[in-house]
Amino acid sequence: MDQVERLCGVLGDESRLWDEVAELLRQEQRAVVELRPGTLLACLEERQALQEELRGLAARRRDLVQEVAETCGARVE
């Protein structure tokens, strides 16, 4: 089922991005503790970019889940 494979791919991409977010949050924390405002600003900008990517992946995931459900005969509202 091609839809399920694509869904697994999207879930894998989301997982990878969440790992990146976790590392970025650790970097932000270090920047705050070490009083490095430039690094903090860079982390915030990168986090915004990751957030946009995650939004796009979440939309793709929802669409694929809906496709899979419809293919399996489930009612989707």
PDB file of N, CA and C in Angstrom:
ATOM      1  N   MET A   1       0.850  -1.177   0.000  1.00  0.00           N
ATOM      2  CA  MET A   1       0.000   0.000   0.000  1.00  0.00           C
ATOM      3  C   MET A   1       0.899   1.243   0.000  1.00  0.00           C
ATOM      4  N   ASP A   2       0.934   1.907  -1.117  1.00  0.00           N
ATOM      5  CA  ASP A   2       1.791   3.081  -1.307  1.00  0.00           C
ATOM      6  C   ASP A   2       1.484   4.194  -0.309  1.00  0.00           C
ATOM      7  N   GLN A   3       0.223   4.367   0.025  1.00  0.00           N
ATOM      8  CA  GLN A   3      -0.164   5.427   0.966  1.00  0.00           C
ATOM      9  C   GLN A   3       0.460   5.190   2.342  1.00  0.00           C
ATOM     10  N   VAL A   4       0.468   3.960   2.780  1.00  0.00           N
ATOM     11  CA  VAL A   4       1.034   3.626   4.085  1.00  0.00           C
ATOM     12  C   VAL A   4       2.545   3.866   4.078  1.00  0.00           C
ATOM     13  N   GLU A   5       3.201   3.527   2.975  1.00  0.00           N
ATOM     14  CA  GLU A   5       4.643   3.778   2.873  1.00  0.00           C
ATOM     15  C   GLU A   5       4.934   5.275   2.928  1.00  0.00           C
ATOM     16  N   ARG A   6       4.122   6.062   2.224  1.00  0.00           N
ATOM     17  CA  ARG A   6       4.308   7.519   2.268  1.00  0.00           C
ATOM     18  C   ARG A   6       4.045   8.047   3.668  1.00  0.00           C
ATOM     19  N   LEU A   7       3.036   7.508   4.342  1.00  0.00           N
ATOM     20  CA  LEU A   7       2.735   7.916   5.712  1.00  0.00           C
ATOM     21  C   LEU A   7       3.907   7.591   6.634  1.00  0.00           C
ATOM     22  N   CYS A   8       4.479   6.424   6.482  1.00  0.00           N
ATOM     23  CA  CYS A   8       5.651   6.053   7.297  1.00  0.00           C
ATOM     24  C   CYS A   8       6.815   6.999   7.022  1.00  0.00           C
ATOM     25  N   GLY A   9       6.979   7.395   5.783  1.00  0.00           N
ATOM     26  CA  GLY A   9       8.026   8.343   5.441  1.00  0.00           C
ATOM     27  C   GLY A   9       7.820   9.692   6.119  1.00  0.00           C
ATOM     28  N   VAL A  10       6.579  10.168   6.106  1.00  0.00           N
ATOM     29  CA  VAL A  10       6.265  11.440   6.757  1.00  0.00           C
ATOM     30  C   VAL A  10       6.493  11.327   8.264  1.00  0.00           C
ATOM     31  N   LEU A  11       6.067  10.227   8.858  1.00  0.00           N
ATOM     32  CA  LEU A  11       6.287  10.032  10.293  1.00  0.00           C
ATOM     33  C   LEU A  11       7.777   9.996  10.627  1.00  0.00           C
ATOM     34  N   GLY A  12       8.562   9.377   9.761  1.00  0.00           N
ATOM     35  CA  GLY A  12      10.009   9.353   9.962  1.00  0.00           C
ATOM     36  C   GLY A  12      10.612  10.753   9.883  1.00  0.00           C
ATOM     37  N   ASP A  13      10.119  11.540   8.908  1.00  0.00           N
ATOM     38  CA  ASP A  13      10.589  12.925   8.785  1.00  0.00           C
ATOM     39  C   ASP A  13      10.218  13.738  10.016  1.00  0.00           C
ATOM     40  N   GLU A  14       9.000  13.545  10.509  1.00  0.00           N
ATOM     41  CA  GLU A  14       8.572  14.258  11.718  1.00  0.00           C
ATOM     42  C   GLU A  14       9.444  13.878  12.909  1.00  0.00           C
ATOM     43  N   SER A  15       9.730  12.609  13.045  1.00  0.00           N
ATOM     44  CA  SER A  15      10.567  12.140  14.149  1.00  0.00           C
ATOM     45  C   SER A  15      11.953  12.776  14.086  1.00  0.00           C
ATOM     46  N   ARG A  16      12.524  12.826  12.893  1.00  0.00           N
ATOM     47  CA  ARG A  16      13.844  13.442  12.712  1.00  0.00           C
ATOM     48  C   ARG A  16      13.805  14.919  13.099  1.00  0.00           C
ATOM     49  N   LEU A  17      12.751  15.624  12.670  1.00  0.00           N
ATOM     50  CA  LEU A  17      12.646  17.041  13.009  1.00  0.00           C
ATOM     51  C   LEU A  17      12.470  17.254  14.506  1.00  0.00           C
ATOM     52  N   TRP A  18      11.701  16.390  15.167  1.00  0.00           N
ATOM     53  CA  TRP A  18      11.537  16.542  16.616  1.00  0.00           C
ATOM     54  C   TRP A  18      12.864  16.321  17.342  1.00  0.00           C
ATOM     55  N   ASP A  19      13.688  15.407  16.820  1.00  0.00           N
ATOM     56  CA  ASP A  19      15.030  15.230  17.390  1.00  0.00           C
ATOM     57  C   ASP A  19      15.832  16.520  17.243  1.00  0.00           C
ATOM     58  N   GLU A  20      15.715  17.170  16.078  1.00  0.00           N
ATOM     59  CA  GLU A  20      16.409  18.437  15.857  1.00  0.00           C
ATOM     60  C   GLU A  20      15.893  19.520  16.804  1.00  0.00           C
ATOM     61  N   VAL A  21      14.577  19.546  17.024  1.00  0.00           N
ATOM     62  CA  VAL A  21      13.995  20.529  17.949  1.00  0.00           C
ATOM     63  C   VAL A  21      14.544  20.303  19.360  1.00  0.00           C
ATOM     64  N   ALA A  22      14.618  19.051  19.786  1.00  0.00           N
ATOM     65  CA  ALA A  22      15.122  18.749  21.129  1.00  0.00           C
ATOM     66  C   ALA A  22      16.564  19.236  21.288  1.00  0.00           C
ATOM     67  N   GLU A  23      17.398  18.978  20.294  1.00  0.00           N
ATOM     68  CA  GLU A  23      18.785  19.435  20.356  1.00  0.00           C
ATOM     69  C   GLU A  23      18.848  20.962  20.356  1.00  0.00           C
ATOM     70  N   LEU A  24      18.016  21.574  19.571  1.00  0.00           N
ATOM     71  CA  LEU A  24      17.989  23.036  19.510  1.00  0.00           C
ATOM     72  C   LEU A  24      17.565  23.641  20.843  1.00  0.00           C
ATOM     73  N   LEU A  25      16.616  23.013  21.507  1.00  0.00           N
ATOM     74  CA  LEU A  25      16.193  23.502  22.828  1.00  0.00           C
ATOM     75  C   LEU A  25      17.328  23.392  23.846  1.00  0.00           C
ATOM     76  N   ARG A  26      18.120  22.315  23.728  1.00  0.00           N
ATOM     77  CA  ARG A  26      19.293  22.194  24.607  1.00  0.00           C
ATOM     78  C   ARG A  26      20.286  23.319  24.332  1.00  0.00           C
ATOM     79  N   GLN A  27      20.484  23.638  23.048  1.00  0.00           N
ATOM     80  CA  GLN A  27      21.383  24.736  22.689  1.00  0.00           C
ATOM     81  C   GLN A  27      20.849  26.072  23.210  1.00  0.00           C
ATOM     82  N   GLU A  28      19.541  26.270  23.091  1.00  0.00           N
ATOM     83  CA  GLU A  28      18.934  27.494  23.618  1.00  0.00           C
ATOM     84  C   GLU A  28      19.160  27.608  25.116  1.00  0.00           C
ATOM     85  N   GLN A  29      18.973  26.514  25.816  1.00  0.00           N
ATOM     86  CA  GLN A  29      19.166  26.523  27.264  1.00  0.00           C
ATOM     87  C   GLN A  29      20.604  26.903  27.612  1.00  0.00           C
ATOM     88  N   ARG A  30      21.560  26.308  26.901  1.00  0.00           N
ATOM     89  CA  ARG A  30      22.971  26.650  27.151  1.00  0.00           C
ATOM     90  C   ARG A  30      23.232  28.124  26.854  1.00  0.00           C
ATOM     91  N   ALA A  31      22.632  28.632  25.790  1.00  0.00           N
ATOM     92  CA  ALA A  31      22.839  30.037  25.431  1.00  0.00           C
ATOM     93  C   ALA A  31      22.287  30.969  26.501  1.00  0.00           C
ATOM     94  N   VAL A  32      21.163  30.605  27.095  1.00  0.00           N
ATOM     95  CA  VAL A  32      20.591  31.424  28.168  1.00  0.00           C
ATOM     96  C   VAL A  32      21.490  31.386  29.395  1.00  0.00           C
ATOM     97  N   VAL A  33      21.913  30.188  29.771  1.00  0.00           N
ATOM     98  CA  VAL A  33      22.748  30.035  30.962  1.00  0.00           C
ATOM     99  C   VAL A  33      24.079  30.764  30.784  1.00  0.00           C
ATOM    100  N   GLU A  34      24.631  30.691  29.581  1.00  0.00           N
ATOM    101  CA  GLU A  34      25.938  31.297  29.325  1.00  0.00           C
ATOM    102  C   GLU A  34      25.829  32.755  28.862  1.00  0.00           C
ATOM    103  N   LEU A  35      24.616  33.286  28.862  1.00  0.00           N
ATOM    104  CA  LEU A  35      24.374  34.682  28.482  1.00  0.00           C
ATOM    105  C   LEU A  35      24.945  35.021  27.102  1.00  0.00           C
ATOM    106  N   ARG A  36      24.529  34.209  26.104  1.00  0.00           N
ATOM    107  CA  ARG A  36      24.969  34.431  24.721  1.00  0.00           C
ATOM    108  C   ARG A  36      23.754  34.807  23.867  1.00  0.00           C
ATOM    109  N   PRO A  37      23.387  36.086  23.837  1.00  0.00           N
ATOM    110  CA  PRO A  37      22.178  36.500  23.120  1.00  0.00           C
ATOM    111  C   PRO A  37      22.218  36.227  21.619  1.00  0.00           C
ATOM    112  N   GLY A  38      23.382  36.328  21.000  1.00  0.00           N
ATOM    113  CA  GLY A  38      23.478  36.055  19.566  1.00  0.00           C
ATOM    114  C   GLY A  38      23.125  34.609  19.245  1.00  0.00           C
ATOM    115  N   THR A  39      23.643  33.709  20.054  1.00  0.00           N
ATOM    116  CA  THR A  39      23.351  32.286  19.875  1.00  0.00           C
ATOM    117  C   THR A  39      21.878  32.012  20.135  1.00  0.00           C
ATOM    118  N   LEU A  40      21.333  32.663  21.159  1.00  0.00           N
ATOM    119  CA  LEU A  40      19.928  32.485  21.481  1.00  0.00           C
ATOM    120  C   LEU A  40      19.051  32.929  20.318  1.00  0.00           C
ATOM    121  N   LEU A  41      19.367  34.070  19.733  1.00  0.00           N
ATOM    122  CA  LEU A  41      18.588  34.568  18.597  1.00  0.00           C
ATOM    123  C   LEU A  41      18.679  33.614  17.415  1.00  0.00           C
ATOM    124  N   ALA A  42      19.864  33.101  17.151  1.00  0.00           N
ATOM    125  CA  ALA A  42      20.028  32.140  16.054  1.00  0.00           C
ATOM    126  C   ALA A  42      19.202  30.874  16.298  1.00  0.00           C
ATOM    127  N   CYS A  43      19.179  30.404  17.539  1.00  0.00           N
ATOM    128  CA  CYS A  43      18.385  29.222  17.891  1.00  0.00           C
ATOM    129  C   CYS A  43      16.894  29.491  17.674  1.00  0.00           C
ATOM    130  N   LEU A  44      16.444  30.655  18.078  1.00  0.00           N
ATOM    131  CA  LEU A  44      15.031  30.998  17.907  1.00  0.00           C
ATOM    132  C   LEU A  44      14.646  31.041  16.441  1.00  0.00           C
ATOM    133  N   GLU A  45      15.525  31.608  15.617  1.00  0.00           N
ATOM    134  CA  GLU A  45      15.246  31.659  14.182  1.00  0.00           C
ATOM    135  C   GLU A  45      15.193  30.256  13.581  1.00  0.00           C
ATOM    136  N   GLU A  46      16.122  29.409  13.997  1.00  0.00           N
ATOM    137  CA  GLU A  46      16.134  28.034  13.497  1.00  0.00           C
ATOM    138  C   GLU A  46      14.896  27.273  13.971  1.00  0.00           C
ATOM    139  N   ARG A  47      14.492  27.527  15.205  1.00  0.00           N
ATOM    140  CA  ARG A  47      13.298  26.857  15.728  1.00  0.00           C
ATOM    141  C   ARG A  47      12.057  27.265  14.937  1.00  0.00           C
ATOM    142  N   GLN A  48      11.965  28.528  14.545  1.00  0.00           N
ATOM    143  CA  GLN A  48      10.833  28.963  13.726  1.00  0.00           C
ATOM    144  C   GLN A  48      10.819  28.228  12.389  1.00  0.00           C
ATOM    145  N   ALA A  49      11.979  28.051  11.779  1.00  0.00           N
ATOM    146  CA  ALA A  49      12.059  27.331  10.509  1.00  0.00           C
ATOM    147  C   ALA A  49      11.637  25.873  10.684  1.00  0.00           C
ATOM    148  N   LEU A  50      12.099  25.242  11.761  1.00  0.00           N
ATOM    149  CA  LEU A  50      11.709  23.857  12.031  1.00  0.00           C
ATOM    150  C   LEU A  50      10.209  23.758  12.285  1.00  0.00           C
ATOM    151  N   GLN A  51       9.668  24.740  12.966  1.00  0.00           N
ATOM    152  CA  GLN A  51       8.236  24.756  13.250  1.00  0.00           C
ATOM    153  C   GLN A  51       7.434  24.798  11.953  1.00  0.00           C
ATOM    154  N   GLU A  52       7.878  25.586  10.983  1.00  0.00           N
ATOM    155  CA  GLU A  52       7.187  25.640   9.691  1.00  0.00           C
ATOM    156  C   GLU A  52       7.255  24.294   8.980  1.00  0.00           C
ATOM    157  N   GLU A  53       8.418  23.657   9.023  1.00  0.00           N
ATOM    158  CA  GLU A  53       8.552  22.328   8.424  1.00  0.00           C
ATOM    159  C   GLU A  53       7.615  21.336   9.094  1.00  0.00           C
ATOM    160  N   LEU A  54       7.540  21.402  10.423  1.00  0.00           N
ATOM    161  CA  LEU A  54       6.663  20.484  11.163  1.00  0.00           C
ATOM    162  C   LEU A  54       5.202  20.719  10.807  1.00  0.00           C
ATOM    163  N   ARG A  55       4.813  21.977  10.638  1.00  0.00           N
ATOM    164  CA  ARG A  55       3.431  22.266  10.228  1.00  0.00           C
ATOM    165  C   ARG A  55       3.115  21.620   8.885  1.00  0.00           C
ATOM    166  N   GLY A  56       4.044  21.760   7.945  1.00  0.00           N
ATOM    167  CA  GLY A  56       3.835  21.161   6.630  1.00  0.00           C
ATOM    168  C   GLY A  56       3.732  19.645   6.698  1.00  0.00           C
ATOM    169  N   LEU A  57       4.614  19.035   7.488  1.00  0.00           N
ATOM    170  CA  LEU A  57       4.564  17.580   7.636  1.00  0.00           C
ATOM    171  C   LEU A  57       3.287  17.129   8.324  1.00  0.00           C
ATOM    172  N   ALA A  58       2.822  17.881   9.300  1.00  0.00           N
ATOM    173  CA  ALA A  58       1.582  17.524   9.996  1.00  0.00           C
ATOM    174  C   ALA A  58       0.410  17.560   9.027  1.00  0.00           C
ATOM    175  N   ALA A  59       0.384  18.544   8.144  1.00  0.00           N
ATOM    176  CA  ALA A  59      -0.689  18.627   7.150  1.00  0.00           C
ATOM    177  C   ALA A  59      -0.624  17.435   6.197  1.00  0.00           C
ATOM    178  N   ARG A  60       0.596  17.087   5.747  1.00  0.00           N
ATOM    179  CA  ARG A  60       0.744  15.912   4.877  1.00  0.00           C
ATOM    180  C   ARG A  60       0.304  14.646   5.596  1.00  0.00           C
ATOM    181  N   ARG A  61       0.684  14.529   6.884  1.00  0.00           N
ATOM    182  CA  ARG A  61       0.299  13.337   7.658  1.00  0.00           C
ATOM    183  C   ARG A  61      -1.218  13.227   7.749  1.00  0.00           C
ATOM    184  N   ARG A  62      -1.888  14.343   8.061  1.00  0.00           N
ATOM    185  CA  ARG A  62      -3.355  14.303   8.158  1.00  0.00           C
ATOM    186  C   ARG A  62      -3.984  13.871   6.838  1.00  0.00           C
ATOM    187  N   ASP A  63      -3.483  14.414   5.726  1.00  0.00           N
ATOM    188  CA  ASP A  63      -4.024  14.052   4.415  1.00  0.00           C
ATOM    189  C   ASP A  63      -3.816  12.572   4.123  1.00  0.00           C
ATOM    190  N   LEU A  64      -2.624  12.067   4.436  1.00  0.00           N
ATOM    191  CA  LEU A  64      -2.347  10.658   4.178  1.00  0.00           C
ATOM    192  C   LEU A  64      -3.178   9.743   5.067  1.00  0.00           C
ATOM    193  N   VAL A  65      -3.359  10.105   6.313  1.00  0.00           N
ATOM    194  CA  VAL A  65      -4.195   9.298   7.210  1.00  0.00           C
ATOM    195  C   VAL A  65      -5.620   9.259   6.667  1.00  0.00           C
ATOM    196  N   GLN A  66      -6.098  10.382   6.188  1.00  0.00           N
ATOM    197  CA  GLN A  66      -7.445  10.429   5.619  1.00  0.00           C
ATOM    198  C   GLN A  66      -7.532   9.538   4.377  1.00  0.00           C
ATOM    199  N   GLU A  67      -6.519   9.588   3.512  1.00  0.00           N
ATOM    200  CA  GLU A  67      -6.500   8.731   2.326  1.00  0.00           C
ATOM    201  C   GLU A  67      -6.509   7.256   2.703  1.00  0.00           C
ATOM    202  N   VAL A  68      -5.669   6.882   3.664  1.00  0.00           N
ATOM    203  CA  VAL A  68      -5.601   5.488   4.096  1.00  0.00           C
ATOM    204  C   VAL A  68      -6.943   5.056   4.676  1.00  0.00           C
ATOM    205  N   ALA A  69      -7.541   5.891   5.495  1.00  0.00           N
ATOM    206  CA  ALA A  69      -8.837   5.562   6.093  1.00  0.00           C
ATOM    207  C   ALA A  69      -9.900   5.368   5.021  1.00  0.00           C
ATOM    208  N   GLU A  70      -9.917   6.251   4.029  1.00  0.00           N
ATOM    209  CA  GLU A  70     -10.903   6.129   2.947  1.00  0.00           C
ATOM    210  C   GLU A  70     -10.670   4.874   2.112  1.00  0.00           C
ATOM    211  N   THR A  71      -9.390   4.550   1.873  1.00  0.00           N
ATOM    212  CA  THR A  71      -9.059   3.344   1.128  1.00  0.00           C
ATOM    213  C   THR A  71      -9.538   2.098   1.877  1.00  0.00           C
ATOM    214  N   CYS A  72      -9.471   2.150   3.184  1.00  0.00           N
ATOM    215  CA  CYS A  72      -9.910   1.010   4.006  1.00  0.00           C
ATOM    216  C   CYS A  72     -11.413   1.005   4.240  1.00  0.00           C
ATOM    217  N   GLY A  73     -12.111   1.976   3.682  1.00  0.00           N
ATOM    218  CA  GLY A  73     -13.558   2.013   3.813  1.00  0.00           C
ATOM    219  C   GLY A  73     -14.087   2.716   5.036  1.00  0.00           C
ATOM    220  N   ALA A  74     -13.239   3.403   5.760  1.00  0.00           N
ATOM    221  CA  ALA A  74     -13.699   4.121   6.946  1.00  0.00           C
ATOM    222  C   ALA A  74     -14.340   5.447   6.524  1.00  0.00           C
ATOM    223  N   ARG A  75     -15.325   5.838   7.288  1.00  0.00           N
ATOM    224  CA  ARG A  75     -15.950   7.149   7.047  1.00  0.00           C
ATOM    225  C   ARG A  75     -15.065   8.235   7.629  1.00  0.00           C
ATOM    226  N   VAL A  76     -14.756   9.213   6.816  1.00  0.00           N
ATOM    227  CA  VAL A  76     -13.906  10.306   7.252  1.00  0.00           C
ATOM    228  C   VAL A  76     -14.712  11.591   7.186  1.00  0.00           C
ATOM    229  N   GLU A  77     -14.722  12.289   8.308  1.00  0.00           N
ATOM    230  CA  GLU A  77     -15.476  13.546   8.357  1.00  0.00           C
ATOM    231  C   GLU A  77     -14.560  14.722   8.436  1.00  0.00           C
TER     232      GLU A  77
END
